[in-house]
Amino acid sequence: MGKKYKFLAFDFGASSGRAMLATFDGEKITLEEKHRFSNDPVNINGDLHWDVLRLFFEIKQGILKCANSGDRDIDCIGIDTWGVDYGLLDENDKLIGNPYHYRDTRTEGMYDEAFKLVPKEEIFKETGIAFNWFNT
């Protein structure tokens, strides 16, 4: 049997996250949960944000738990996150602040404002975006 490949995947869900170790032996993939954690938005002055510092801490915890359980030979690490939010970076690629959480209400009514400038059909044609209240 050849080399086993190990992949550590982090899944950041809307309210929880986990680190899963996938091992591929050339024929099959086995999965093992290494770490699970709460992923709660934080309220800062009435606005909901992702707690990116906490998420970074949880990534390090997942890696540490792999290492402490004998899985030090990780070949690859991947992160799957929410698909509707974004973080703003400065000219040095540094995160400017905690990204807004998709459940924050700051974008209420923005679709109507956008449609005044660009028709809904044109936005959909160019982006394929679903017009859900939580999409940023």
N, C-alpha and C. Protein backbone atom coordinates (compact mmCIF):
# COMPACT_ATOMS: atom_id res chain seq x y z
N MET A 1 0.85 -1.18 0.00
CA MET A 1 0.00 0.00 0.00
C MET A 1 0.89 1.24 0.00
N GLY A 2 0.50 2.25 -0.76
CA GLY A 2 1.26 3.49 -0.89
C GLY A 2 1.03 4.43 0.28
N LYS A 3 1.48 5.63 0.09
CA LYS A 3 1.34 6.68 1.10
C LYS A 3 -0.12 6.99 1.37
N LYS A 4 -0.41 7.26 2.63
CA LYS A 4 -1.73 7.76 3.00
C LYS A 4 -1.66 9.29 2.98
N TYR A 5 -2.66 9.89 2.40
CA TYR A 5 -2.75 11.35 2.35
C TYR A 5 -3.75 11.81 3.39
N LYS A 6 -3.39 12.88 4.10
CA LYS A 6 -4.27 13.40 5.15
C LYS A 6 -4.61 14.86 4.85
N PHE A 7 -5.89 15.13 4.90
CA PHE A 7 -6.41 16.46 4.63
C PHE A 7 -7.23 16.92 5.83
N LEU A 8 -6.93 18.11 6.34
CA LEU A 8 -7.69 18.66 7.46
C LEU A 8 -8.61 19.74 6.90
N ALA A 9 -9.91 19.53 7.04
CA ALA A 9 -10.90 20.47 6.50
C ALA A 9 -11.65 21.14 7.64
N PHE A 10 -11.73 22.45 7.58
CA PHE A 10 -12.50 23.23 8.55
C PHE A 10 -13.78 23.70 7.87
N ASP A 11 -14.89 23.48 8.54
CA ASP A 11 -16.20 23.90 8.05
C ASP A 11 -16.74 24.92 9.03
N PHE A 12 -16.88 26.17 8.58
CA PHE A 12 -17.45 27.23 9.42
C PHE A 12 -18.89 27.41 9.03
N GLY A 13 -19.79 26.87 9.83
CA GLY A 13 -21.21 27.02 9.58
C GLY A 13 -21.76 28.27 10.25
N ALA A 14 -23.05 28.47 10.08
CA ALA A 14 -23.69 29.68 10.61
C ALA A 14 -23.66 29.73 12.13
N SER A 15 -23.67 28.59 12.80
CA SER A 15 -23.69 28.62 14.27
C SER A 15 -22.68 27.65 14.90
N SER A 16 -22.04 26.83 14.08
CA SER A 16 -21.04 25.92 14.62
C SER A 16 -19.98 25.64 13.56
N GLY A 17 -18.89 25.09 14.00
CA GLY A 17 -17.81 24.74 13.09
C GLY A 17 -17.19 23.43 13.52
N ARG A 18 -16.39 22.87 12.64
CA ARG A 18 -15.71 21.63 12.98
C ARG A 18 -14.47 21.47 12.11
N ALA A 19 -13.57 20.65 12.61
CA ALA A 19 -12.39 20.24 11.87
C ALA A 19 -12.51 18.75 11.62
N MET A 20 -12.45 18.39 10.35
CA MET A 20 -12.56 16.98 9.95
C MET A 20 -11.27 16.55 9.28
N LEU A 21 -10.76 15.40 9.71
CA LEU A 21 -9.58 14.82 9.10
C LEU A 21 -10.02 13.76 8.10
N ALA A 22 -9.64 13.94 6.85
CA ALA A 22 -9.91 12.95 5.80
C ALA A 22 -8.60 12.26 5.48
N THR A 23 -8.62 10.94 5.51
CA THR A 23 -7.44 10.16 5.17
C THR A 23 -7.77 9.34 3.92
N PHE A 24 -6.90 9.43 2.92
CA PHE A 24 -7.08 8.71 1.66
C PHE A 24 -5.93 7.73 1.50
N ASP A 25 -6.27 6.45 1.40
CA ASP A 25 -5.23 5.41 1.30
C ASP A 25 -4.99 4.94 -0.13
N GLY A 26 -5.55 5.65 -1.09
CA GLY A 26 -5.43 5.26 -2.48
C GLY A 26 -6.67 4.59 -3.02
N GLU A 27 -7.51 4.10 -2.09
CA GLU A 27 -8.75 3.43 -2.49
C GLU A 27 -9.98 4.01 -1.82
N LYS A 28 -9.85 4.37 -0.55
CA LYS A 28 -11.03 4.90 0.14
C LYS A 28 -10.64 6.07 1.04
N ILE A 29 -11.65 6.86 1.34
CA ILE A 29 -11.49 8.02 2.22
C ILE A 29 -12.17 7.70 3.54
N THR A 30 -11.47 7.94 4.63
CA THR A 30 -12.09 7.83 5.95
C THR A 30 -12.13 9.22 6.56
N LEU A 31 -13.17 9.49 7.32
CA LEU A 31 -13.36 10.79 7.95
C LEU A 31 -13.37 10.65 9.46
N GLU A 32 -12.75 11.61 10.13
CA GLU A 32 -12.73 11.63 11.58
C GLU A 32 -12.87 13.07 12.06
N GLU A 33 -13.86 13.31 12.92
CA GLU A 33 -14.01 14.65 13.49
C GLU A 33 -12.92 14.85 14.53
N LYS A 34 -12.16 15.92 14.38
CA LYS A 34 -11.08 16.22 15.31
C LYS A 34 -11.44 17.32 16.29
N HIS A 35 -12.33 18.22 15.87
CA HIS A 35 -12.64 19.37 16.72
C HIS A 35 -14.00 19.93 16.31
N ARG A 36 -14.80 20.29 17.29
CA ARG A 36 -16.09 20.93 17.05
C ARG A 36 -16.18 22.15 17.97
N PHE A 37 -16.80 23.22 17.47
CA PHE A 37 -16.85 24.45 18.24
C PHE A 37 -18.07 25.28 17.85
N SER A 38 -18.45 26.16 18.75
CA SER A 38 -19.54 27.09 18.50
C SER A 38 -19.02 28.22 17.61
N ASN A 39 -19.85 28.70 16.72
CA ASN A 39 -19.49 29.82 15.85
C ASN A 39 -20.59 30.86 15.96
N ASP A 40 -20.49 31.69 16.96
CA ASP A 40 -21.53 32.65 17.27
C ASP A 40 -21.15 34.05 16.79
N PRO A 41 -22.11 34.77 16.19
CA PRO A 41 -21.81 36.16 15.85
C PRO A 41 -21.66 37.00 17.11
N VAL A 42 -20.95 38.10 16.99
CA VAL A 42 -20.80 39.02 18.12
C VAL A 42 -21.51 40.32 17.79
N ASN A 43 -22.15 40.89 18.80
CA ASN A 43 -22.86 42.15 18.65
C ASN A 43 -21.91 43.27 19.07
N ILE A 44 -21.57 44.14 18.12
CA ILE A 44 -20.69 45.27 18.40
C ILE A 44 -21.47 46.54 18.08
N ASN A 45 -21.86 47.26 19.10
CA ASN A 45 -22.62 48.50 18.94
C ASN A 45 -23.88 48.31 18.09
N GLY A 46 -24.57 47.20 18.29
CA GLY A 46 -25.82 46.94 17.59
C GLY A 46 -25.68 46.27 16.24
N ASP A 47 -24.45 46.00 15.81
CA ASP A 47 -24.21 45.33 14.53
C ASP A 47 -23.67 43.93 14.78
N LEU A 48 -24.10 42.96 13.97
CA LEU A 48 -23.61 41.59 14.10
C LEU A 48 -22.40 41.37 13.20
N HIS A 49 -21.36 40.77 13.78
CA HIS A 49 -20.12 40.50 13.06
C HIS A 49 -19.69 39.06 13.29
N TRP A 50 -18.89 38.52 12.34
CA TRP A 50 -18.20 37.26 12.55
C TRP A 50 -17.04 37.52 13.48
N ASP A 51 -16.79 36.59 14.38
CA ASP A 51 -15.69 36.72 15.33
C ASP A 51 -14.45 36.04 14.73
N VAL A 52 -13.75 36.75 13.85
CA VAL A 52 -12.65 36.15 13.11
C VAL A 52 -11.48 35.76 14.02
N LEU A 53 -11.28 36.49 15.09
CA LEU A 53 -10.19 36.11 16.01
C LEU A 53 -10.51 34.79 16.69
N ARG A 54 -11.75 34.58 17.06
CA ARG A 54 -12.16 33.31 17.64
C ARG A 54 -12.03 32.19 16.61
N LEU A 55 -12.41 32.45 15.37
CA LEU A 55 -12.30 31.43 14.33
C LEU A 55 -10.84 31.05 14.09
N PHE A 56 -9.95 32.04 14.13
CA PHE A 56 -8.52 31.75 13.99
C PHE A 56 -8.04 30.88 15.15
N PHE A 57 -8.51 31.18 16.36
CA PHE A 57 -8.19 30.36 17.53
C PHE A 57 -8.66 28.92 17.32
N GLU A 58 -9.87 28.74 16.80
CA GLU A 58 -10.43 27.40 16.60
C GLU A 58 -9.66 26.64 15.52
N ILE A 59 -9.17 27.33 14.50
CA ILE A 59 -8.32 26.67 13.50
C ILE A 59 -7.07 26.12 14.18
N LYS A 60 -6.45 26.93 15.02
CA LYS A 60 -5.25 26.48 15.72
C LYS A 60 -5.57 25.32 16.66
N GLN A 61 -6.74 25.34 17.30
CA GLN A 61 -7.14 24.23 18.17
C GLN A 61 -7.30 22.94 17.37
N GLY A 62 -7.90 23.02 16.20
CA GLY A 62 -8.08 21.84 15.36
C GLY A 62 -6.75 21.25 14.93
N ILE A 63 -5.81 22.11 14.55
CA ILE A 63 -4.48 21.65 14.16
C ILE A 63 -3.78 21.02 15.35
N LEU A 64 -3.89 21.65 16.51
CA LEU A 64 -3.27 21.13 17.73
C LEU A 64 -3.84 19.77 18.10
N LYS A 65 -5.15 19.61 18.01
CA LYS A 65 -5.77 18.32 18.33
C LYS A 65 -5.30 17.23 17.38
N CYS A 66 -5.11 17.57 16.11
CA CYS A 66 -4.55 16.59 15.17
C CYS A 66 -3.14 16.20 15.60
N ALA A 67 -2.33 17.20 15.87
CA ALA A 67 -0.95 16.92 16.24
C ALA A 67 -0.88 16.09 17.52
N ASN A 68 -1.71 16.42 18.51
CA ASN A 68 -1.68 15.71 19.79
C ASN A 68 -2.22 14.29 19.68
N SER A 69 -2.99 13.99 18.63
CA SER A 69 -3.53 12.63 18.47
C SER A 69 -2.66 11.79 17.53
N GLY A 70 -1.51 12.33 17.15
CA GLY A 70 -0.59 11.58 16.30
C GLY A 70 -0.71 11.89 14.83
N ASP A 71 -1.61 12.77 14.46
CA ASP A 71 -1.78 13.14 13.05
C ASP A 71 -1.01 14.43 12.77
N ARG A 72 0.32 14.31 12.77
CA ARG A 72 1.17 15.47 12.51
C ARG A 72 1.52 15.62 11.04
N ASP A 73 1.22 14.62 10.26
CA ASP A 73 1.64 14.60 8.85
C ASP A 73 0.50 15.00 7.91
N ILE A 74 -0.09 16.15 8.18
CA ILE A 74 -1.18 16.67 7.36
C ILE A 74 -0.61 17.17 6.03
N ASP A 75 -1.21 16.75 4.93
CA ASP A 75 -0.75 17.15 3.61
C ASP A 75 -1.37 18.47 3.14
N CYS A 76 -2.57 18.76 3.63
CA CYS A 76 -3.29 19.92 3.12
C CYS A 76 -4.32 20.36 4.15
N ILE A 77 -4.54 21.67 4.22
CA ILE A 77 -5.59 22.23 5.08
C ILE A 77 -6.49 23.08 4.20
N GLY A 78 -7.80 22.91 4.36
CA GLY A 78 -8.77 23.70 3.62
C GLY A 78 -9.81 24.27 4.56
N ILE A 79 -10.42 25.37 4.15
CA ILE A 79 -11.44 26.02 4.96
C ILE A 79 -12.66 26.29 4.08
N ASP A 80 -13.82 25.81 4.54
CA ASP A 80 -15.09 26.07 3.87
C ASP A 80 -15.86 27.04 4.75
N THR A 81 -16.25 28.16 4.19
CA THR A 81 -16.92 29.19 4.98
C THR A 81 -18.26 29.55 4.38
N TRP A 82 -18.92 30.48 5.00
CA TRP A 82 -20.19 30.99 4.52
C TRP A 82 -19.96 31.65 3.17
N GLY A 83 -20.95 31.62 2.32
CA GLY A 83 -20.77 32.14 0.98
C GLY A 83 -21.41 33.48 0.72
N VAL A 84 -21.96 34.12 1.72
CA VAL A 84 -22.70 35.35 1.47
C VAL A 84 -22.03 36.59 2.07
N ASP A 85 -20.97 36.43 2.81
CA ASP A 85 -20.31 37.56 3.46
C ASP A 85 -18.91 37.76 2.90
N TYR A 86 -18.28 38.80 3.34
CA TYR A 86 -16.96 39.15 2.84
C TYR A 86 -16.20 39.93 3.90
N GLY A 87 -14.89 39.94 3.77
CA GLY A 87 -14.04 40.77 4.62
C GLY A 87 -13.32 41.78 3.76
N LEU A 88 -13.20 42.99 4.25
CA LEU A 88 -12.50 44.04 3.51
C LEU A 88 -11.04 44.06 3.92
N LEU A 89 -10.14 44.15 2.91
CA LEU A 89 -8.71 44.16 3.14
C LEU A 89 -8.13 45.52 2.76
N ASP A 90 -7.06 45.91 3.45
CA ASP A 90 -6.39 47.14 3.08
C ASP A 90 -5.37 46.88 1.97
N GLU A 91 -4.57 47.88 1.63
CA GLU A 91 -3.61 47.74 0.53
C GLU A 91 -2.51 46.73 0.82
N ASN A 92 -2.36 46.32 2.08
CA ASN A 92 -1.37 45.31 2.48
C ASN A 92 -2.01 43.95 2.73
N ASP A 93 -3.25 43.78 2.25
CA ASP A 93 -4.00 42.54 2.43
C ASP A 93 -4.27 42.20 3.89
N LYS A 94 -4.39 43.21 4.72
CA LYS A 94 -4.73 43.04 6.13
C LYS A 94 -6.23 43.28 6.30
N LEU A 95 -6.86 42.43 7.08
CA LEU A 95 -8.29 42.56 7.35
C LEU A 95 -8.54 43.87 8.09
N ILE A 96 -9.45 44.69 7.58
CA ILE A 96 -9.73 45.99 8.17
C ILE A 96 -10.50 45.85 9.47
N GLY A 97 -11.41 44.90 9.55
CA GLY A 97 -12.22 44.70 10.75
C GLY A 97 -12.98 43.40 10.65
N ASN A 98 -13.70 43.07 11.70
CA ASN A 98 -14.51 41.87 11.67
C ASN A 98 -15.59 42.00 10.59
N PRO A 99 -15.70 41.02 9.71
CA PRO A 99 -16.75 41.08 8.68
C PRO A 99 -18.14 41.07 9.31
N TYR A 100 -19.05 41.77 8.65
CA TYR A 100 -20.44 41.74 9.10
C TYR A 100 -20.98 40.33 8.92
N HIS A 101 -21.84 39.95 9.83
CA HIS A 101 -22.51 38.65 9.81
C HIS A 101 -23.74 38.75 8.90
N TYR A 102 -24.05 37.68 8.18
CA TYR A 102 -25.16 37.74 7.23
C TYR A 102 -26.50 38.00 7.90
N ARG A 103 -26.60 37.78 9.20
CA ARG A 103 -27.87 38.04 9.90
C ARG A 103 -27.99 39.49 10.36
N ASP A 104 -26.96 40.30 10.11
CA ASP A 104 -27.03 41.72 10.44
C ASP A 104 -28.07 42.39 9.55
N THR A 105 -28.75 43.39 10.07
CA THR A 105 -29.86 44.02 9.34
C THR A 105 -29.45 45.23 8.51
N ARG A 106 -28.16 45.53 8.42
CA ARG A 106 -27.73 46.76 7.75
C ARG A 106 -28.11 46.83 6.28
N THR A 107 -28.33 45.67 5.63
CA THR A 107 -28.63 45.68 4.19
C THR A 107 -30.12 45.62 3.88
N GLU A 108 -30.96 45.72 4.91
CA GLU A 108 -32.40 45.70 4.65
C GLU A 108 -32.77 46.85 3.72
N GLY A 109 -33.53 46.55 2.68
CA GLY A 109 -33.97 47.57 1.74
C GLY A 109 -32.98 47.89 0.63
N MET A 110 -31.82 47.29 0.66
CA MET A 110 -30.79 47.61 -0.34
C MET A 110 -31.10 47.05 -1.73
N TYR A 111 -31.81 45.94 -1.80
CA TYR A 111 -32.19 45.43 -3.12
C TYR A 111 -33.03 46.47 -3.86
N ASP A 112 -34.00 47.05 -3.17
CA ASP A 112 -34.85 48.05 -3.81
C ASP A 112 -34.02 49.23 -4.30
N GLU A 113 -33.04 49.64 -3.53
CA GLU A 113 -32.17 50.74 -3.94
C GLU A 113 -31.32 50.35 -5.15
N ALA A 114 -30.79 49.12 -5.14
CA ALA A 114 -29.97 48.66 -6.26
C ALA A 114 -30.79 48.57 -7.55
N PHE A 115 -32.04 48.10 -7.42
CA PHE A 115 -32.89 47.93 -8.60
C PHE A 115 -33.27 49.27 -9.22
N LYS A 116 -33.15 50.36 -8.47
CA LYS A 116 -33.38 51.70 -9.04
C LYS A 116 -32.26 52.05 -10.01
N LEU A 117 -31.08 51.49 -9.78
CA LEU A 117 -29.92 51.78 -10.63
C LEU A 117 -29.72 50.76 -11.75
N VAL A 118 -29.97 49.48 -11.41
CA VAL A 118 -29.77 48.39 -12.37
C VAL A 118 -30.96 47.45 -12.24
N PRO A 119 -31.62 47.13 -13.36
CA PRO A 119 -32.78 46.23 -13.27
C PRO A 119 -32.40 44.86 -12.67
N LYS A 120 -33.33 44.31 -11.93
CA LYS A 120 -33.13 43.01 -11.28
C LYS A 120 -32.69 41.95 -12.28
N GLU A 121 -33.31 41.93 -13.44
CA GLU A 121 -33.01 40.93 -14.46
C GLU A 121 -31.55 41.04 -14.91
N GLU A 122 -31.06 42.28 -15.04
CA GLU A 122 -29.69 42.48 -15.49
C GLU A 122 -28.68 42.02 -14.42
N ILE A 123 -29.00 42.31 -13.17
CA ILE A 123 -28.12 41.84 -12.08
C ILE A 123 -28.06 40.33 -12.08
N PHE A 124 -29.21 39.69 -12.22
CA PHE A 124 -29.23 38.23 -12.22
C PHE A 124 -28.48 37.68 -13.43
N LYS A 125 -28.67 38.29 -14.59
CA LYS A 125 -28.01 37.83 -15.81
C LYS A 125 -26.49 37.89 -15.65
N GLU A 126 -25.98 38.92 -15.01
CA GLU A 126 -24.54 39.11 -14.87
C GLU A 126 -23.94 38.31 -13.71
N THR A 127 -24.72 38.09 -12.65
CA THR A 127 -24.15 37.48 -11.44
C THR A 127 -24.71 36.11 -11.09
N GLY A 128 -25.95 35.85 -11.48
CA GLY A 128 -26.60 34.60 -11.08
C GLY A 128 -26.96 34.58 -9.61
N ILE A 129 -26.87 35.72 -8.95
CA ILE A 129 -27.12 35.79 -7.50
C ILE A 129 -28.59 35.54 -7.20
N ALA A 130 -28.83 34.79 -6.14
CA ALA A 130 -30.19 34.63 -5.64
C ALA A 130 -30.52 35.85 -4.80
N PHE A 131 -31.70 36.37 -4.96
CA PHE A 131 -32.08 37.57 -4.24
C PHE A 131 -32.68 37.21 -2.89
N ASN A 132 -31.81 36.75 -1.99
CA ASN A 132 -32.20 36.42 -0.63
C ASN A 132 -31.84 37.59 0.28
N TRP A 133 -32.64 37.82 1.30
CA TRP A 133 -32.43 38.98 2.18
C TRP A 133 -31.04 38.98 2.81
N PHE A 134 -30.45 37.81 3.00
CA PHE A 134 -29.16 37.75 3.70
C PHE A 134 -27.95 37.85 2.77
N ASN A 135 -28.15 37.85 1.46
CA ASN A 135 -27.02 37.97 0.55
C ASN A 135 -26.46 39.39 0.58
N THR A 136 -25.16 39.47 0.72
CA THR A 136 -24.52 40.79 0.71
C THR A 136 -23.96 41.10 -0.65
